[in-house]
Amino acid sequence: MAHLTETETKKEYLKVFFGLMALTALTVGAAILHFPESWGKAGDTLHISIGILIAIVKVLMVMYIFMHLKFDHPYLRFMVIVPVFLFFVLTFALNVLGP
């Protein structure tokens, strides 16, 4: 696989930077969002779910560009992304199913 030129690399980094900034703003907005008290635990679960979904997208962006997984063999990408995905599933399950 061919690597990007220096100009293309800078453009990729800037895209990821602005994407991460937008997702961070979205995370803050989601944290400020208030659900009705009548929702109870479902509202809390929804907050956590939204936060985890945004975090997954941010982690994948960083891994793909800054860890250079974009240029690695698909099997290596698989071996990195699957444990990260399982970590998020476990985190979500412990938050949702926990006390």
N, C-alpha and C. Protein backbone atom coordinates (compact mmCIF):
# COMPACT_ATOMS: atom_id res chain seq x y z
N MET A 1 0.83 -1.18 0.00
CA MET A 1 0.00 0.00 0.00
C MET A 1 0.88 1.24 0.00
N ALA A 2 0.48 2.22 -0.76
CA ALA A 2 1.25 3.44 -0.87
C ALA A 2 0.90 4.38 0.29
N HIS A 3 1.92 5.02 0.79
CA HIS A 3 1.70 6.00 1.85
C HIS A 3 1.32 7.34 1.24
N LEU A 4 0.73 8.19 2.03
CA LEU A 4 0.30 9.49 1.57
C LEU A 4 1.48 10.46 1.49
N THR A 5 1.34 11.48 0.66
CA THR A 5 2.35 12.52 0.62
C THR A 5 2.23 13.36 1.88
N GLU A 6 3.19 14.23 2.11
CA GLU A 6 3.19 15.06 3.32
C GLU A 6 1.96 15.97 3.37
N THR A 7 1.58 16.53 2.25
CA THR A 7 0.41 17.40 2.20
C THR A 7 -0.86 16.61 2.48
N GLU A 8 -0.97 15.42 1.88
CA GLU A 8 -2.14 14.58 2.12
C GLU A 8 -2.21 14.14 3.58
N THR A 9 -1.06 13.85 4.18
CA THR A 9 -1.00 13.45 5.58
C THR A 9 -1.48 14.57 6.48
N LYS A 10 -1.04 15.79 6.21
CA LYS A 10 -1.49 16.94 7.01
C LYS A 10 -3.00 17.13 6.88
N LYS A 11 -3.52 16.96 5.68
CA LYS A 11 -4.96 17.09 5.48
C LYS A 11 -5.71 16.02 6.27
N GLU A 12 -5.19 14.79 6.27
CA GLU A 12 -5.81 13.70 7.04
C GLU A 12 -5.80 14.02 8.53
N TYR A 13 -4.67 14.51 9.03
CA TYR A 13 -4.57 14.85 10.44
C TYR A 13 -5.54 15.97 10.81
N LEU A 14 -5.67 16.95 9.93
CA LEU A 14 -6.60 18.04 10.21
C LEU A 14 -8.05 17.55 10.19
N LYS A 15 -8.37 16.66 9.26
CA LYS A 15 -9.72 16.09 9.24
C LYS A 15 -10.02 15.36 10.54
N VAL A 16 -9.06 14.57 10.99
CA VAL A 16 -9.26 13.82 12.23
C VAL A 16 -9.36 14.79 13.41
N PHE A 17 -8.52 15.82 13.42
CA PHE A 17 -8.55 16.80 14.51
C PHE A 17 -9.92 17.46 14.61
N PHE A 18 -10.43 17.95 13.47
CA PHE A 18 -11.72 18.62 13.49
C PHE A 18 -12.86 17.62 13.77
N GLY A 19 -12.71 16.42 13.30
CA GLY A 19 -13.69 15.38 13.63
C GLY A 19 -13.72 15.10 15.12
N LEU A 20 -12.55 15.00 15.73
CA LEU A 20 -12.48 14.76 17.17
C LEU A 20 -13.04 15.93 17.96
N MET A 21 -12.78 17.15 17.49
CA MET A 21 -13.33 18.33 18.17
C MET A 21 -14.87 18.33 18.08
N ALA A 22 -15.39 17.99 16.90
CA ALA A 22 -16.85 17.95 16.73
C ALA A 22 -17.46 16.87 17.61
N LEU A 23 -16.82 15.71 17.66
CA LEU A 23 -17.34 14.63 18.51
C LEU A 23 -17.23 14.96 19.99
N THR A 24 -16.20 15.70 20.37
CA THR A 24 -16.07 16.13 21.76
C THR A 24 -17.20 17.09 22.11
N ALA A 25 -17.50 18.02 21.20
CA ALA A 25 -18.62 18.93 21.42
C ALA A 25 -19.94 18.15 21.51
N LEU A 26 -20.07 17.15 20.68
CA LEU A 26 -21.28 16.31 20.71
C LEU A 26 -21.38 15.55 22.04
N THR A 27 -20.25 15.10 22.56
CA THR A 27 -20.23 14.42 23.85
C THR A 27 -20.68 15.36 24.96
N VAL A 28 -20.18 16.59 24.94
CA VAL A 28 -20.58 17.57 25.95
C VAL A 28 -22.06 17.87 25.82
N GLY A 29 -22.53 18.02 24.58
CA GLY A 29 -23.96 18.26 24.37
C GLY A 29 -24.81 17.11 24.87
N ALA A 30 -24.35 15.90 24.65
CA ALA A 30 -25.10 14.72 25.11
C ALA A 30 -25.11 14.65 26.64
N ALA A 31 -24.03 15.10 27.27
CA ALA A 31 -23.97 15.08 28.73
C ALA A 31 -24.91 16.13 29.33
N ILE A 32 -25.09 17.23 28.63
CA ILE A 32 -25.96 18.30 29.11
C ILE A 32 -27.43 17.94 28.92
N LEU A 33 -27.70 17.10 27.93
CA LEU A 33 -29.06 16.70 27.60
C LEU A 33 -29.74 16.06 28.82
N HIS A 34 -30.93 16.53 29.13
CA HIS A 34 -31.66 16.01 30.28
C HIS A 34 -32.84 15.18 29.81
N PHE A 35 -32.96 14.01 30.38
CA PHE A 35 -34.09 13.15 30.10
C PHE A 35 -35.08 13.27 31.25
N PRO A 36 -36.35 13.03 30.99
CA PRO A 36 -37.35 13.14 32.06
C PRO A 36 -37.04 12.22 33.24
N GLU A 37 -37.35 12.69 34.43
CA GLU A 37 -37.12 11.89 35.64
C GLU A 37 -37.89 10.58 35.59
N SER A 38 -39.01 10.58 34.88
CA SER A 38 -39.84 9.37 34.81
C SER A 38 -39.12 8.23 34.07
N TRP A 39 -38.11 8.57 33.29
CA TRP A 39 -37.36 7.53 32.57
C TRP A 39 -36.50 6.71 33.53
N GLY A 40 -36.11 7.30 34.64
CA GLY A 40 -35.31 6.60 35.65
C GLY A 40 -34.01 6.06 35.09
N LYS A 41 -33.79 4.76 35.32
CA LYS A 41 -32.54 4.13 34.90
C LYS A 41 -32.39 4.12 33.38
N ALA A 42 -33.47 4.11 32.65
CA ALA A 42 -33.39 4.12 31.19
C ALA A 42 -32.72 5.40 30.68
N GLY A 43 -32.99 6.53 31.33
CA GLY A 43 -32.33 7.79 30.96
C GLY A 43 -30.84 7.74 31.22
N ASP A 44 -30.46 7.17 32.36
CA ASP A 44 -29.03 7.02 32.66
C ASP A 44 -28.35 6.09 31.66
N THR A 45 -29.03 5.01 31.34
CA THR A 45 -28.49 4.06 30.38
C THR A 45 -28.33 4.72 29.01
N LEU A 46 -29.27 5.55 28.63
CA LEU A 46 -29.19 6.24 27.35
C LEU A 46 -28.01 7.21 27.33
N HIS A 47 -27.78 7.92 28.43
CA HIS A 47 -26.61 8.80 28.53
C HIS A 47 -25.32 8.02 28.33
N ILE A 48 -25.21 6.91 29.03
CA ILE A 48 -24.01 6.08 28.93
C ILE A 48 -23.86 5.52 27.52
N SER A 49 -24.95 5.07 26.95
CA SER A 49 -24.90 4.50 25.59
C SER A 49 -24.44 5.53 24.57
N ILE A 50 -24.98 6.72 24.64
CA ILE A 50 -24.57 7.78 23.72
C ILE A 50 -23.09 8.09 23.89
N GLY A 51 -22.65 8.22 25.13
CA GLY A 51 -21.23 8.50 25.40
C GLY A 51 -20.31 7.41 24.88
N ILE A 52 -20.70 6.17 25.06
CA ILE A 52 -19.87 5.05 24.61
C ILE A 52 -19.84 4.99 23.08
N LEU A 53 -20.96 5.22 22.43
CA LEU A 53 -20.98 5.21 20.96
C LEU A 53 -20.08 6.30 20.38
N ILE A 54 -20.14 7.49 20.96
CA ILE A 54 -19.27 8.57 20.49
C ILE A 54 -17.81 8.22 20.77
N ALA A 55 -17.53 7.64 21.92
CA ALA A 55 -16.16 7.25 22.26
C ALA A 55 -15.63 6.19 21.29
N ILE A 56 -16.47 5.27 20.88
CA ILE A 56 -16.05 4.24 19.93
C ILE A 56 -15.62 4.88 18.62
N VAL A 57 -16.41 5.82 18.13
CA VAL A 57 -16.07 6.50 16.88
C VAL A 57 -14.74 7.25 17.02
N LYS A 58 -14.56 7.93 18.15
CA LYS A 58 -13.32 8.68 18.38
C LYS A 58 -12.11 7.74 18.45
N VAL A 59 -12.25 6.64 19.14
CA VAL A 59 -11.15 5.68 19.26
C VAL A 59 -10.79 5.10 17.90
N LEU A 60 -11.79 4.76 17.11
CA LEU A 60 -11.52 4.21 15.78
C LEU A 60 -10.83 5.22 14.88
N MET A 61 -11.22 6.48 14.99
CA MET A 61 -10.55 7.53 14.20
C MET A 61 -9.08 7.63 14.58
N VAL A 62 -8.80 7.66 15.86
CA VAL A 62 -7.41 7.78 16.33
C VAL A 62 -6.61 6.54 15.94
N MET A 63 -7.19 5.37 16.13
CA MET A 63 -6.46 4.15 15.79
C MET A 63 -6.17 4.08 14.30
N TYR A 64 -7.15 4.41 13.50
CA TYR A 64 -7.01 4.26 12.05
C TYR A 64 -5.97 5.21 11.47
N ILE A 65 -5.94 6.44 11.96
CA ILE A 65 -5.03 7.44 11.38
C ILE A 65 -3.72 7.52 12.18
N PHE A 66 -3.80 7.81 13.47
CA PHE A 66 -2.58 8.07 14.24
C PHE A 66 -1.79 6.81 14.56
N MET A 67 -2.45 5.67 14.64
CA MET A 67 -1.73 4.41 14.84
C MET A 67 -1.37 3.77 13.50
N HIS A 68 -1.73 4.45 12.41
CA HIS A 68 -1.40 4.01 11.05
C HIS A 68 -1.98 2.65 10.69
N LEU A 69 -3.10 2.30 11.29
CA LEU A 69 -3.76 1.05 10.92
C LEU A 69 -4.30 1.11 9.50
N LYS A 70 -4.44 2.31 8.99
CA LYS A 70 -4.93 2.50 7.63
C LYS A 70 -4.03 1.79 6.62
N PHE A 71 -2.73 1.73 6.92
CA PHE A 71 -1.76 1.16 5.99
C PHE A 71 -1.34 -0.26 6.35
N ASP A 72 -1.86 -0.79 7.46
CA ASP A 72 -1.47 -2.12 7.89
C ASP A 72 -2.33 -3.19 7.23
N HIS A 73 -1.88 -4.40 7.37
CA HIS A 73 -2.58 -5.56 6.82
C HIS A 73 -3.95 -5.70 7.50
N PRO A 74 -4.97 -6.09 6.76
CA PRO A 74 -6.31 -6.22 7.36
C PRO A 74 -6.36 -7.15 8.57
N TYR A 75 -5.54 -8.19 8.59
CA TYR A 75 -5.52 -9.09 9.75
C TYR A 75 -5.01 -8.37 11.00
N LEU A 76 -4.02 -7.50 10.83
CA LEU A 76 -3.53 -6.74 11.97
C LEU A 76 -4.60 -5.77 12.47
N ARG A 77 -5.29 -5.12 11.54
CA ARG A 77 -6.40 -4.24 11.92
C ARG A 77 -7.44 -5.02 12.71
N PHE A 78 -7.76 -6.21 12.25
CA PHE A 78 -8.74 -7.06 12.93
C PHE A 78 -8.27 -7.39 14.35
N MET A 79 -6.99 -7.72 14.50
CA MET A 79 -6.44 -8.10 15.80
C MET A 79 -6.38 -6.92 16.77
N VAL A 80 -6.43 -5.71 16.27
CA VAL A 80 -6.43 -4.53 17.13
C VAL A 80 -7.86 -4.08 17.42
N ILE A 81 -8.69 -4.06 16.40
CA ILE A 81 -10.04 -3.52 16.56
C ILE A 81 -10.95 -4.44 17.37
N VAL A 82 -10.82 -5.74 17.22
CA VAL A 82 -11.69 -6.66 17.96
C VAL A 82 -11.52 -6.52 19.47
N PRO A 83 -10.31 -6.51 20.03
CA PRO A 83 -10.21 -6.33 21.49
C PRO A 83 -10.75 -4.97 21.96
N VAL A 84 -10.57 -3.94 21.16
CA VAL A 84 -11.12 -2.63 21.53
C VAL A 84 -12.64 -2.69 21.54
N PHE A 85 -13.21 -3.33 20.53
CA PHE A 85 -14.66 -3.49 20.48
C PHE A 85 -15.16 -4.29 21.70
N LEU A 86 -14.47 -5.37 22.03
CA LEU A 86 -14.88 -6.18 23.18
C LEU A 86 -14.76 -5.40 24.49
N PHE A 87 -13.75 -4.54 24.58
CA PHE A 87 -13.61 -3.69 25.76
C PHE A 87 -14.83 -2.77 25.91
N PHE A 88 -15.25 -2.17 24.80
CA PHE A 88 -16.41 -1.29 24.87
C PHE A 88 -17.69 -2.07 25.17
N VAL A 89 -17.82 -3.27 24.63
CA VAL A 89 -19.00 -4.09 24.94
C VAL A 89 -19.01 -4.43 26.43
N LEU A 90 -17.87 -4.80 26.97
CA LEU A 90 -17.78 -5.12 28.39
C LEU A 90 -18.09 -3.89 29.24
N THR A 91 -17.55 -2.75 28.86
CA THR A 91 -17.80 -1.52 29.60
C THR A 91 -19.28 -1.18 29.58
N PHE A 92 -19.89 -1.28 28.41
CA PHE A 92 -21.33 -1.00 28.28
C PHE A 92 -22.14 -1.99 29.12
N ALA A 93 -21.80 -3.26 29.04
CA ALA A 93 -22.55 -4.28 29.78
C ALA A 93 -22.44 -4.07 31.28
N LEU A 94 -21.26 -3.72 31.75
CA LEU A 94 -21.10 -3.49 33.20
C LEU A 94 -21.88 -2.26 33.65
N ASN A 95 -21.99 -1.26 32.81
CA ASN A 95 -22.75 -0.06 33.17
C ASN A 95 -24.25 -0.29 33.11
N VAL A 96 -24.69 -1.05 32.13
CA VAL A 96 -26.12 -1.26 31.95
C VAL A 96 -26.64 -2.33 32.91
N LEU A 97 -25.90 -3.42 33.03
CA LEU A 97 -26.36 -4.54 33.84
C LEU A 97 -25.95 -4.47 35.30
N GLY A 98 -25.04 -3.54 35.59
CA GLY A 98 -24.55 -3.41 36.97
C GLY A 98 -25.61 -2.82 37.88
N PRO A 99 -25.25 -2.65 39.15
CA PRO A 99 -26.22 -2.16 40.14
C PRO A 99 -26.69 -0.75 39.88
